[in-house]
C-alpha atoms as a PDB file:
ATOM      1  CA  MET A   1      16.167  -5.399  42.561  1.00  0.00           C
ATOM      2  CA  TYR A   2      13.858  -6.594  39.762  1.00  0.00           C
ATOM      3  CA  THR A   3      12.275  -4.885  36.620  1.00  0.00           C
ATOM      4  CA  GLY A   4       8.778  -6.492  36.041  1.00  0.00           C
ATOM      5  CA  ILE A   5       8.031  -6.652  32.378  1.00  0.00           C
ATOM      6  CA  ASP A   6       4.456  -6.765  31.205  1.00  0.00           C
ATOM      7  CA  LEU A   7       4.157  -7.676  27.738  1.00  0.00           C
ATOM      8  CA  GLY A   8       0.669  -7.095  25.952  1.00  0.00           C
ATOM      9  CA  SER A   9      -0.926  -6.444  22.789  1.00  0.00           C
ATOM     10  CA  ARG A  10      -1.659  -2.850  23.692  1.00  0.00           C
ATOM     11  CA  TYR A  11       1.111  -1.493  25.854  1.00  0.00           C
ATOM     12  CA  ILE A  12       4.651  -2.752  27.432  1.00  0.00           C
ATOM     13  CA  ARG A  13       4.621  -2.230  30.985  1.00  0.00           C
ATOM     14  CA  ALA A  14       7.472  -1.985  33.387  1.00  0.00           C
ATOM     15  CA  VAL A  15       8.227  -1.459  37.405  1.00  0.00           C
ATOM     16  CA  GLU A  16      11.426  -1.462  39.111  1.00  0.00           C
ATOM     17  CA  LEU A  17      11.806  -1.684  42.655  1.00  0.00           C
ATOM     18  CA  ASP A  18      14.180  -2.617  45.656  1.00  0.00           C
ATOM     19  CA  ALA A  19      12.291  -4.858  48.075  1.00  0.00           C
ATOM     20  CA  ARG A  20      15.025  -5.463  50.403  1.00  0.00           C
ATOM     21  CA  GLY A  21      13.884  -3.049  53.120  1.00  0.00           C
ATOM     22  CA  GLU A  22      10.861  -3.054  55.358  1.00  0.00           C
ATOM     23  CA  LYS A  23       8.997  -1.260  52.985  1.00  0.00           C
ATOM     24  CA  ILE A  24       9.053  -1.041  48.911  1.00  0.00           C
ATOM     25  CA  ASN A  25      11.678   1.152  47.725  1.00  0.00           C
ATOM     26  CA  LEU A  26      10.015   2.094  44.083  1.00  0.00           C
ATOM     27  CA  LEU A  27      12.548   3.127  41.265  1.00  0.00           C
ATOM     28  CA  ARG A  28      10.559   3.519  38.100  1.00  0.00           C
ATOM     29  CA  ALA A  29       7.219   2.740  36.929  1.00  0.00           C
ATOM     30  CA  ALA A  30       6.428   3.279  33.213  1.00  0.00           C
ATOM     31  CA  PHE A  31       4.374   2.342  30.043  1.00  0.00           C
ATOM     32  CA  THR A  32       4.508   2.689  26.371  1.00  0.00           C
ATOM     33  CA  PRO A  33       2.471   1.329  23.222  1.00  0.00           C
ATOM     34  CA  THR A  34       3.355  -2.104  21.928  1.00  0.00           C
ATOM     35  CA  PRO A  35       4.151  -1.798  18.294  1.00  0.00           C
ATOM     36  CA  GLU A  36       1.133  -2.808  16.287  1.00  0.00           C
ATOM     37  CA  GLY A  37       1.236  -6.717  15.572  1.00  0.00           C
ATOM     38  CA  ALA A  38       4.331  -7.161  17.854  1.00  0.00           C
ATOM     39  CA  MET A  39       2.348  -9.296  20.291  1.00  0.00           C
ATOM     40  CA  GLU A  40      -0.865 -10.971  19.888  1.00  0.00           C
ATOM     41  CA  VAL A  41      -2.955 -13.354  22.431  1.00  0.00           C
ATOM     42  CA  GLY A  42       0.080 -13.468  24.771  1.00  0.00           C
ATOM     43  CA  ARG A  43       2.669 -14.475  21.984  1.00  0.00           C
ATOM     44  CA  ILE A  44       5.506 -12.406  20.541  1.00  0.00           C
ATOM     45  CA  ARG A  45       5.002 -12.066  16.832  1.00  0.00           C
ATOM     46  CA  ASP A  46       7.505  -9.916  15.954  1.00  0.00           C
ATOM     47  CA  ILE A  47      10.685 -10.482  17.948  1.00  0.00           C
ATOM     48  CA  ASP A  48      13.050  -7.803  16.351  1.00  0.00           C
ATOM     49  CA  ARG A  49      10.406  -4.968  16.495  1.00  0.00           C
ATOM     50  CA  LEU A  50       9.267  -5.919  20.151  1.00  0.00           C
ATOM     51  CA  ALA A  51      12.970  -6.288  20.869  1.00  0.00           C
ATOM     52  CA  ILE A  52      14.055  -2.658  19.679  1.00  0.00           C
ATOM     53  CA  ALA A  53      10.682  -1.042  21.203  1.00  0.00           C
ATOM     54  CA  LEU A  54      11.563  -2.529  24.842  1.00  0.00           C
ATOM     55  CA  ASP A  55      15.275  -1.582  24.336  1.00  0.00           C
ATOM     56  CA  ARG A  56      14.216   2.102  23.604  1.00  0.00           C
ATOM     57  CA  PHE A  57      11.603   2.042  26.429  1.00  0.00           C
ATOM     58  CA  LEU A  58      13.887   0.533  29.183  1.00  0.00           C
ATOM     59  CA  SER A  59      16.748   3.165  27.975  1.00  0.00           C
ATOM     60  CA  SER A  60      14.260   6.414  27.871  1.00  0.00           C
ATOM     61  CA  GLU A  61      12.789   5.662  31.131  1.00  0.00           C
ATOM     62  CA  GLN A  62      16.044   5.051  32.773  1.00  0.00           C
ATOM     63  CA  PHE A  63      15.619   1.212  34.049  1.00  0.00           C
ATOM     64  CA  VAL A  64      18.813  -0.048  35.320  1.00  0.00           C
ATOM     65  CA  ALA A  65      18.322  -3.792  36.876  1.00  0.00           C
ATOM     66  CA  ASP A  66      19.521  -6.514  34.630  1.00  0.00           C
ATOM     67  CA  LYS A  67      17.337  -8.729  36.587  1.00  0.00           C
ATOM     68  CA  VAL A  68      13.769  -9.167  35.026  1.00  0.00           C
ATOM     69  CA  ALA A  69      10.717 -11.088  35.417  1.00  0.00           C
ATOM     70  CA  MET A  70       8.157 -11.484  32.775  1.00  0.00           C
ATOM     71  CA  SER A  71       4.743 -13.045  32.662  1.00  0.00           C
ATOM     72  CA  VAL A  72       2.831 -15.885  30.307  1.00  0.00           C
ATOM     73  CA  PHE A  73      -0.738 -16.638  29.902  1.00  0.00           C
ATOM     74  CA  ASN A  74      -3.122 -16.888  27.233  1.00  0.00           C
ATOM     75  CA  PRO A  75      -6.245 -19.326  26.465  1.00  0.00           C
ATOM     76  CA  LEU A  76      -3.654 -21.923  26.017  1.00  0.00           C
ATOM     77  CA  VAL A  77      -2.116 -21.848  29.654  1.00  0.00           C
ATOM     78  CA  LEU A  78      -3.536 -24.055  31.898  1.00  0.00           C
ATOM     79  CA  VAL A  79      -3.435 -22.945  35.681  1.00  0.00           C
ATOM     80  CA  ARG A  80      -4.997 -25.208  38.349  1.00  0.00           C
ATOM     81  CA  LYS A  81      -4.925 -26.496  41.890  1.00  0.00           C
ATOM     82  CA  THR A  82      -5.299 -29.928  42.846  1.00  0.00           C
ATOM     83  CA  ARG A  83      -5.036 -32.802  45.662  1.00  0.00           C
ATOM     84  CA  LEU A  84      -3.081 -35.387  45.106  1.00  0.00           C
ATOM     85  CA  PRO A  85      -1.197 -38.567  47.367  1.00  0.00           C
ATOM     86  CA  ILE A  86       2.068 -37.618  48.285  1.00  0.00           C
ATOM     87  CA  MET A  87       4.240 -39.051  45.621  1.00  0.00           C
ATOM     88  CA  PRO A  88       7.914 -38.755  44.200  1.00  0.00           C
ATOM     89  CA  GLU A  89       8.399 -35.375  41.965  1.00  0.00           C
ATOM     90  CA  GLY A  90       8.393 -37.312  38.868  1.00  0.00           C
ATOM     91  CA  GLN A  91       5.353 -39.132  39.462  1.00  0.00           C
ATOM     92  CA  VAL A  92       3.571 -36.015  40.144  1.00  0.00           C
ATOM     93  CA  LYS A  93       4.111 -34.419  36.666  1.00  0.00           C
ATOM     94  CA  ARG A  94       3.009 -37.727  35.121  1.00  0.00           C
ATOM     95  CA  THR A  95      -0.188 -37.994  37.357  1.00  0.00           C
ATOM     96  CA  LEU A  96      -0.904 -34.546  36.448  1.00  0.00           C
ATOM     97  CA  ILE A  97      -0.293 -35.118  32.565  1.00  0.00           C
ATOM     98  CA  LEU A  98      -2.858 -37.942  32.931  1.00  0.00           C
ATOM     99  CA  GLU A  99      -5.267 -35.848  34.773  1.00  0.00           C
ATOM    100  CA  VAL A 100      -5.345 -32.915  32.738  1.00  0.00           C
ATOM    101  CA  LYS A 101      -4.492 -34.537  29.099  1.00  0.00           C
ATOM    102  CA  SER A 102      -8.256 -34.240  27.841  1.00  0.00           C
ATOM    103  CA  LEU A 103      -8.396 -30.716  28.756  1.00  0.00           C
ATOM    104  CA  LEU A 104      -4.861 -29.421  26.863  1.00  0.00           C
ATOM    105  CA  PRO A 105      -5.615 -27.313  23.765  1.00  0.00           C
ATOM    106  CA  LEU A 106      -2.192 -28.662  22.593  1.00  0.00           C
ATOM    107  CA  PRO A 107      -0.159 -31.597  22.532  1.00  0.00           C
ATOM    108  CA  ILE A 108       1.608 -32.443  25.910  1.00  0.00           C
ATOM    109  CA  GLU A 109       5.057 -32.724  24.207  1.00  0.00           C
ATOM    110  CA  ASP A 110       4.628 -29.141  23.125  1.00  0.00           C
ATOM    111  CA  ALA A 111       3.860 -27.922  26.786  1.00  0.00           C
ATOM    112  CA  THR A 112       5.683 -27.227  29.884  1.00  0.00           C
ATOM    113  CA  ILE A 113       4.591 -28.340  33.391  1.00  0.00           C
ATOM    114  CA  GLU A 114       5.737 -26.927  36.747  1.00  0.00           C
ATOM    115  CA  TYR A 115       3.822 -27.311  40.072  1.00  0.00           C
ATOM    116  CA  GLN A 116       4.356 -26.023  43.433  1.00  0.00           C
ATOM    117  CA  VAL A 117       3.263 -28.055  47.025  1.00  0.00           C
ATOM    118  CA  LEU A 118       1.256 -25.623  48.947  1.00  0.00           C
ATOM    119  CA  SER A 119       0.506 -27.635  51.945  1.00  0.00           C
ATOM    120  CA  THR A 120      -0.015 -31.101  52.938  1.00  0.00           C
ATOM    121  CA  VAL A 121      -2.947 -32.955  54.372  1.00  0.00           C
ATOM    122  CA  GLN A 122      -2.725 -35.663  56.971  1.00  0.00           C
ATOM    123  CA  ASP A 123      -5.202 -38.182  56.321  1.00  0.00           C
ATOM    124  CA  GLU A 124      -5.563 -41.822  56.155  1.00  0.00           C
ATOM    125  CA  LEU A 125      -3.526 -41.663  52.988  1.00  0.00           C
ATOM    126  CA  PRO A 126      -1.189 -38.109  53.374  1.00  0.00           C
ATOM    127  CA  LYS A 127      -2.144 -35.904  50.530  1.00  0.00           C
ATOM    128  CA  MET A 128      -0.474 -32.924  49.075  1.00  0.00           C
ATOM    129  CA  ASP A 129      -2.365 -29.602  47.535  1.00  0.00           C
ATOM    130  CA  ILE A 130      -0.535 -28.355  44.952  1.00  0.00           C
ATOM    131  CA  VAL A 131      -1.077 -25.498  41.994  1.00  0.00           C
ATOM    132  CA  PHE A 132       0.355 -26.412  38.563  1.00  0.00           C
ATOM    133  CA  ALA A 133       0.517 -24.548  35.353  1.00  0.00           C
ATOM    134  CA  ILE A 134       0.952 -26.083  31.875  1.00  0.00           C
ATOM    135  CA  VAL A 135       2.374 -23.518  29.564  1.00  0.00           C
ATOM    136  CA  PRO A 136       3.096 -23.818  25.758  1.00  0.00           C
ATOM    137  CA  THR A 137       6.577 -24.230  25.654  1.00  0.00           C
ATOM    138  CA  VAL A 138       7.122 -21.613  22.416  1.00  0.00           C
ATOM    139  CA  MET A 139       5.926 -19.043  24.937  1.00  0.00           C
ATOM    140  CA  ILE A 140       8.550 -19.568  27.200  1.00  0.00           C
ATOM    141  CA  GLU A 141      11.328 -19.769  24.366  1.00  0.00           C
ATOM    142  CA  GLU A 142       9.868 -16.474  23.053  1.00  0.00           C
ATOM    143  CA  ARG A 143      11.122 -14.813  26.243  1.00  0.00           C
ATOM    144  CA  ILE A 144      13.979 -16.230  26.929  1.00  0.00           C
ATOM    145  CA  SER A 145      14.948 -14.960  23.217  1.00  0.00           C
ATOM    146  CA  LEU A 146      13.870 -11.620  23.777  1.00  0.00           C
ATOM    147  CA  ALA A 147      15.924 -11.426  26.889  1.00  0.00           C
ATOM    148  CA  GLU A 148      18.966 -12.557  25.297  1.00  0.00           C
ATOM    149  CA  LYS A 149      18.630 -10.143  22.340  1.00  0.00           C
ATOM    150  CA  LEU A 150      18.688  -7.326  25.170  1.00  0.00           C
ATOM    151  CA  GLY A 151      21.336  -8.751  27.532  1.00  0.00           C
ATOM    152  CA  LEU A 152      18.661  -9.118  29.821  1.00  0.00           C
ATOM    153  CA  ASP A 153      18.875 -11.615  33.342  1.00  0.00           C
ATOM    154  CA  LEU A 154      15.379 -13.448  32.988  1.00  0.00           C
ATOM    155  CA  VAL A 155      15.465 -14.489  36.541  1.00  0.00           C
ATOM    156  CA  ALA A 156      11.549 -15.584  36.815  1.00  0.00           C
ATOM    157  CA  LEU A 157       8.666 -16.484  34.271  1.00  0.00           C
ATOM    158  CA  ASP A 158       5.697 -16.301  36.070  1.00  0.00           C
ATOM    159  CA  VAL A 159       2.203 -17.175  35.017  1.00  0.00           C
ATOM    160  CA  GLU A 160      -0.049 -13.925  34.911  1.00  0.00           C
ATOM    161  CA  PRO A 161      -2.610 -14.825  37.469  1.00  0.00           C
ATOM    162  CA  PHE A 162       0.162 -15.677  40.306  1.00  0.00           C
ATOM    163  CA  ALA A 163       1.525 -11.990  39.434  1.00  0.00           C
ATOM    164  CA  LEU A 164      -1.924 -10.445  39.951  1.00  0.00           C
ATOM    165  CA  GLN A 165      -2.473 -12.257  43.134  1.00  0.00           C
ATOM    166  CA  ARG A 166       0.919 -10.952  44.843  1.00  0.00           C
ATOM    167  CA  ALA A 167      -0.080  -7.282  43.517  1.00  0.00           C
ATOM    168  CA  ILE A 168      -3.833  -7.059  44.719  1.00  0.00           C
ATOM    169  CA  VAL A 169      -4.217  -9.673  47.375  1.00  0.00           C
ATOM    170  CA  ASP A 170      -0.771 -11.225  48.943  1.00  0.00           C
ATOM    171  CA  ILE A 171       0.549  -7.563  49.351  1.00  0.00           C
ATOM    172  CA  TYR A 172      -2.187  -6.796  51.998  1.00  0.00           C
ATOM    173  CA  PRO A 173      -2.222  -8.929  55.469  1.00  0.00           C
ATOM    174  CA  GLU A 174      -6.036  -7.766  55.782  1.00  0.00           C
ATOM    175  CA  ARG A 175      -6.860  -9.526  52.471  1.00  0.00           C
ATOM    176  CA  GLN A 176      -5.872 -12.941  53.682  1.00  0.00           C
ATOM    177  CA  ASN A 177      -9.371 -13.410  55.285  1.00  0.00           C
ATOM    178  CA  GLU A 178     -11.521 -12.762  52.090  1.00  0.00           C
ATOM    179  CA  ASN A 179     -12.353 -14.677  48.936  1.00  0.00           C
ATOM    180  CA  ILE A 180     -11.462 -12.249  45.984  1.00  0.00           C
ATOM    181  CA  ALA A 181     -12.161 -12.500  42.280  1.00  0.00           C
ATOM    182  CA  ILE A 182      -9.835 -10.585  40.198  1.00  0.00           C
ATOM    183  CA  LEU A 183     -10.792  -9.546  36.787  1.00  0.00           C
ATOM    184  CA  HIS A 184      -7.642  -8.170  34.534  1.00  0.00           C
ATOM    185  CA  THR A 185      -8.909  -6.830  31.128  1.00  0.00           C
ATOM    186  CA  GLY A 186      -6.732  -6.981  27.892  1.00  0.00           C
ATOM    187  CA  GLY A 187      -6.693  -6.368  24.528  1.00  0.00           C
ATOM    188  CA  SER A 188      -6.695  -9.775  23.362  1.00  0.00           C
ATOM    189  CA  TYR A 189      -7.869 -11.429  26.183  1.00  0.00           C
ATOM    190  CA  SER A 190      -9.030 -11.118  29.649  1.00  0.00           C
ATOM    191  CA  THR A 191      -7.542 -12.785  32.939  1.00  0.00           C
ATOM    192  CA  MET A 192      -9.668 -14.009  35.807  1.00  0.00           C
ATOM    193  CA  LEU A 193      -8.694 -15.831  39.091  1.00  0.00           C
ATOM    194  CA  ILE A 194      -9.978 -16.203  42.400  1.00  0.00           C
ATOM    195  CA  VAL A 195      -7.907 -16.278  45.659  1.00  0.00           C
ATOM    196  CA  GLU A 196      -9.576 -17.963  48.594  1.00  0.00           C
ATOM    197  CA  LYS A 197      -8.494 -16.756  52.053  1.00  0.00           C
ATOM    198  CA  GLY A 198      -4.964 -16.225  50.383  1.00  0.00           C
ATOM    199  CA  ASP A 199      -4.981 -19.048  48.672  1.00  0.00           C
ATOM    200  CA  PHE A 200      -4.844 -19.309  44.923  1.00  0.00           C
ATOM    201  CA  SER A 201      -8.030 -21.189  43.862  1.00  0.00           C
ATOM    202  CA  LEU A 202      -8.828 -21.194  39.996  1.00  0.00           C
ATOM    203  CA  ALA A 203      -7.792 -19.061  36.905  1.00  0.00           C
ATOM    204  CA  ARG A 204      -8.960 -18.826  33.082  1.00  0.00           C
ATOM    205  CA  ALA A 205      -8.563 -16.626  30.246  1.00  0.00           C
ATOM    206  CA  LEU A 206     -11.667 -14.988  29.063  1.00  0.00           C
ATOM    207  CA  PRO A 207     -12.229 -13.896  25.839  1.00  0.00           C
ATOM    208  CA  ALA A 208     -11.500 -10.042  24.694  1.00  0.00           C
ATOM    209  CA  VAL A 209     -14.382  -7.596  24.051  1.00  0.00           C
ATOM    210  CA  ARG A 210     -14.414  -3.899  22.513  1.00  0.00           C
ATOM    211  CA  GLU A 211     -14.648  -1.393  24.975  1.00  0.00           C
ATOM    212  CA  ARG A 212     -17.584   0.546  25.172  1.00  0.00           C
ATOM    213  CA  GLN A 213     -20.005  -1.730  23.307  1.00  0.00           C
ATOM    214  CA  GLU A 214     -22.747  -2.777  24.989  1.00  0.00           C
ATOM    215  CA  GLU A 215     -23.155  -6.106  23.524  1.00  0.00           C
ATOM    216  CA  ASP A 216     -19.558  -6.800  24.002  1.00  0.00           C
ATOM    217  CA  ARG A 217     -19.658  -5.563  27.649  1.00  0.00           C
ATOM    218  CA  GLU A 218     -22.739  -7.773  28.331  1.00  0.00           C
ATOM    219  CA  LYS A 219     -20.867 -10.562  26.763  1.00  0.00           C
ATOM    220  CA  LEU A 220     -17.736 -10.072  28.939  1.00  0.00           C
ATOM    221  CA  MET A 221     -19.997  -9.938  32.317  1.00  0.00           C
ATOM    222  CA  ARG A 222     -21.731 -13.414  31.244  1.00  0.00           C
ATOM    223  CA  GLU A 223     -18.153 -14.643  30.887  1.00  0.00           C
ATOM    224  CA  VAL A 224     -17.430 -13.668  34.409  1.00  0.00           C
ATOM    225  CA  ARG A 225     -20.502 -14.997  35.804  1.00  0.00           C
ATOM    226  CA  ARG A 226     -19.734 -18.297  34.088  1.00  0.00           C
ATOM    227  CA  PHE A 227     -16.356 -18.531  35.700  1.00  0.00           C
ATOM    228  CA  LEU A 228     -18.064 -17.561  39.191  1.00  0.00           C
ATOM    229  CA  ASP A 229     -20.535 -20.142  38.800  1.00  0.00           C
ATOM    230  CA  PHE A 230     -18.101 -22.916  37.963  1.00  0.00           C
ATOM    231  CA  PHE A 231     -16.171 -21.883  40.944  1.00  0.00           C
ATOM    232  CA  TYR A 232     -19.085 -22.153  43.082  1.00  0.00           C
ATOM    233  CA  ALA A 233     -19.551 -25.929  41.678  1.00  0.00           C
ATOM    234  CA  GLN A 234     -16.390 -26.926  42.134  1.00  0.00           C
ATOM    235  CA  GLN A 235     -16.853 -26.455  45.780  1.00  0.00           C
ATOM    236  CA  LYS A 236     -19.446 -28.784  46.079  1.00  0.00           C
ATOM    237  CA  GLU A 237     -17.548 -31.544  43.706  1.00  0.00           C
ATOM    238  CA  GLY A 238     -14.302 -33.782  44.406  1.00  0.00           C
ATOM    239  CA  GLU A 239     -13.622 -36.434  47.467  1.00  0.00           C
ATOM    240  CA  GLU A 240     -12.670 -33.489  50.129  1.00  0.00           C
ATOM    241  CA  LYS A 241     -14.908 -31.513  51.242  1.00  0.00           C
ATOM    242  CA  ARG A 242     -13.876 -27.917  50.648  1.00  0.00           C
ATOM    243  CA  GLU A 243     -14.820 -24.750  52.976  1.00  0.00           C
ATOM    244  CA  GLY A 244     -14.893 -22.144  50.561  1.00  0.00           C
ATOM    245  CA  GLY A 245     -17.819 -19.489  50.755  1.00  0.00           C
ATOM    246  CA  ILE A 246     -18.975 -16.920  48.233  1.00  0.00           C
ATOM    247  CA  VAL A 247     -16.891 -14.423  46.839  1.00  0.00           C
ATOM    248  CA  ASP A 248     -16.774 -11.377  49.121  1.00  0.00           C
ATOM    249  CA  ARG A 249     -15.713  -8.711  46.204  1.00  0.00           C
ATOM    250  CA  LEU A 250     -14.560  -8.681  42.655  1.00  0.00           C
ATOM    251  CA  ILE A 251     -11.379  -6.344  41.918  1.00  0.00           C
ATOM    252  CA  VAL A 252     -11.006  -5.040  38.402  1.00  0.00           C
ATOM    253  CA  SER A 253      -7.856  -3.997  36.599  1.00  0.00           C
ATOM    254  CA  GLY A 254      -6.307  -3.739  33.209  1.00  0.00           C
ATOM    255  CA  SER A 255      -6.141  -1.629  30.134  1.00  0.00           C
ATOM    256  CA  ARG A 256      -9.642  -0.755  29.747  1.00  0.00           C
ATOM    257  CA  GLN A 257     -10.127   3.129  29.386  1.00  0.00           C
ATOM    258  CA  ASP A 258     -13.298   3.137  30.914  1.00  0.00           C
ATOM    259  CA  ILE A 259     -12.341   0.824  33.890  1.00  0.00           C
ATOM    260  CA  ALA A 260     -14.598   2.603  36.623  1.00  0.00           C
ATOM    261  CA  GLU A 261     -17.584   2.621  34.810  1.00  0.00           C
ATOM    262  CA  PHE A 262     -17.191  -0.969  33.805  1.00  0.00           C
ATOM    263  CA  ALA A 263     -16.615  -2.099  37.422  1.00  0.00           C
ATOM    264  CA  ASP A 264     -19.660  -0.301  38.433  1.00  0.00           C
ATOM    265  CA  PHE A 265     -21.520  -2.114  35.750  1.00  0.00           C
ATOM    266  CA  LEU A 266     -20.327  -5.102  37.032  1.00  0.00           C
ATOM    267  CA  GLY A 267     -21.022  -4.675  40.363  1.00  0.00           C
ATOM    268  CA  LYS A 268     -24.723  -4.099  39.402  1.00  0.00           C
ATOM    269  CA  ALA A 269     -25.224  -6.703  36.908  1.00  0.00           C
ATOM    270  CA  LEU A 270     -23.398  -9.588  39.368  1.00  0.00           C
ATOM    271  CA  GLY A 271     -24.899  -7.895  42.312  1.00  0.00           C
ATOM    272  CA  MET A 272     -21.808  -7.901  44.733  1.00  0.00           C
ATOM    273  CA  PRO A 273     -19.208  -5.191  45.318  1.00  0.00           C
ATOM    274  CA  CYS A 274     -16.953  -4.327  42.370  1.00  0.00           C
ATOM    275  CA  GLU A 275     -13.886  -2.013  42.503  1.00  0.00           C
ATOM    276  CA  VAL A 276     -11.107  -0.846  40.589  1.00  0.00           C
ATOM    277  CA  ALA A 277      -7.759  -2.315  41.612  1.00  0.00           C
ATOM    278  CA  SER A 278      -5.731   0.544  43.497  1.00  0.00           C
ATOM    279  CA  LEU A 279      -2.458   0.546  45.454  1.00  0.00           C
ATOM    280  CA  ASP A 280      -1.932   2.092  49.016  1.00  0.00           C
ATOM    281  CA  GLU A 281       0.964   4.606  49.104  1.00  0.00           C
ATOM    282  CA  ALA A 282       1.785   3.268  52.822  1.00  0.00           C
ATOM    283  CA  ILE A 283       3.506   0.233  51.684  1.00  0.00           C
ATOM    284  CA  PHE A 284       6.210   2.303  50.213  1.00  0.00           C
ATOM    285  CA  ASP A 285       9.304   3.956  51.905  1.00  0.00           C
ATOM    286  CA  GLY A 286      10.481   7.718  51.719  1.00  0.00           C
ATOM    287  CA  ARG A 287      13.448   6.793  49.190  1.00  0.00           C
ATOM    288  CA  SER A 288      10.588   6.006  46.587  1.00  0.00           C
ATOM    289  CA  ASN A 289      10.703   7.635  43.524  1.00  0.00           C
ATOM    290  CA  GLU A 290       8.027  10.690  43.557  1.00  0.00           C
ATOM    291  CA  THR A 291       7.555  10.876  39.993  1.00  0.00           C
ATOM    292  CA  ALA A 292       7.483   6.876  39.676  1.00  0.00           C
ATOM    293  CA  LEU A 293       4.875   6.511  42.660  1.00  0.00           C
ATOM    294  CA  SER A 294       2.592   9.112  41.299  1.00  0.00           C
ATOM    295  CA  ARG A 295       2.404   7.172  37.790  1.00  0.00           C
ATOM    296  CA  LEU A 296       2.186   3.841  39.544  1.00  0.00           C
ATOM    297  CA  ILE A 297      -0.688   5.006  41.655  1.00  0.00           C
ATOM    298  CA  SER A 298      -2.499   6.818  39.073  1.00  0.00           C
ATOM    299  CA  SER A 299      -2.207   3.927  36.596  1.00  0.00           C
ATOM    300  CA  PHE A 300      -2.105   0.864  38.936  1.00  0.00           C
ATOM    301  CA  PRO A 301      -4.623  -1.173  37.104  1.00  0.00           C
ATOM    302  CA  LEU A 302      -2.905  -0.852  33.945  1.00  0.00           C
ATOM    303  CA  LEU A 303       0.479  -1.648  35.425  1.00  0.00           C
ATOM    304  CA  ALA A 304      -0.730  -4.309  38.281  1.00  0.00           C
ATOM    305  CA  VAL A 305       1.219  -7.547  36.181  1.00  0.00           C
ATOM    306  CA  ALA A 306       4.403  -5.283  36.030  1.00  0.00           C
ATOM    307  CA  PHE A 307       4.013  -4.393  40.013  1.00  0.00           C
ATOM    308  CA  GLY A 308       3.327  -8.143  40.951  1.00  0.00           C
ATOM    309  CA  LEU A 309       6.232  -9.374  38.898  1.00  0.00           C
ATOM    310  CA  ALA A 310       8.711  -6.965  40.481  1.00  0.00           C
ATOM    311  CA  VAL A 311       7.716  -7.271  44.089  1.00  0.00           C
ATOM    312  CA  ARG A 312       8.000 -11.019  43.561  1.00  0.00           C
ATOM    313  CA  GLU A 313      11.638 -10.171  44.984  1.00  0.00           C
ATOM    314  CA  LYS A 314       9.790  -9.267  48.211  1.00  0.00           C
ATOM    315  CA  PHE A 315       8.004 -12.224  48.792  1.00  0.00           C
ATOM    316  CA  ALA A 316      10.972 -14.348  48.114  1.00  0.00           C
ATOM    317  CA  ILE A 317      13.248 -12.556  50.576  1.00  0.00           C
ATOM    318  CA  LEU A 318      10.392 -13.382  53.148  1.00  0.00           C
ATOM    319  CA  ALA A 319      10.449 -17.131  52.370  1.00  0.00           C
ATOM    320  CA  GLY A 320      14.150 -16.973  52.633  1.00  0.00           C
ATOM    321  CA  VAL A 321      14.968 -17.734  49.189  1.00  0.00           C
ATOM    322  CA  VAL A 322      16.764 -14.463  48.229  1.00  0.00           C
ATOM    323  CA  GLU A 323      19.394 -13.048  50.529  1.00  0.00           C
END
């Protein structure tokens, strides 16, 4: 049983569920305002005030799972997919550092790098497709310290794009055959990613904008278009031929109050299908808490990351990682 905790500059969000059955047993889902100034651009700026607020929130909403998963992301986090010759683990990290050093906005000694092998390619020279994340170490340490203050067992730290993919794409088998772009809007930055036929492809943090300001809304739309153009350009580059195609649709989540209106605007401006993120009640079993389920369904765009963090347990079980 996991509690997924999403810490944002506007809201603290949490989802607790039990994924051990065929369907998901949702136990709790809630959100509360973040103390002003406690979180800024993905960084914990006032850990004492945030710890007090989070403790009160979890207690008042009766969250009970000690195992928690949190996310990290901001413009300093680098998430990429690449193809490398098969090599020992230590050499992989050294190769990745050399490959991305010029792109890093911070010294490599201040960053933590993790990677996962997605698949191997049997060619004249065997290769492997990997996805990797480079995160400022201080962001990891902040969340570990927060969990320790509250006596929580921090079992997983996820980069936000992976939690979003899990919540919006992976949970639905029928979406494994689509190329889906996801835009998660936030107060200090927005997260954008593309999932190609069920596989992570690309992610980036985009600048935040003020809501309902026509000029700023246009600015975010241009950032989204630039991201999509970069994705299409990448398909034409590299030594391997890629079979990617156009993005089938854009799904929007996040904390915008005008999210439905904004999704409609994006769809028209970009000339592509665009919709607000939603959740199918059919994936939950009859044991689920009705109040929590109603809140999660109605506020899913806001709770998408927290749900993606909590539901990672189900995917771990399916992969045989968790008993």
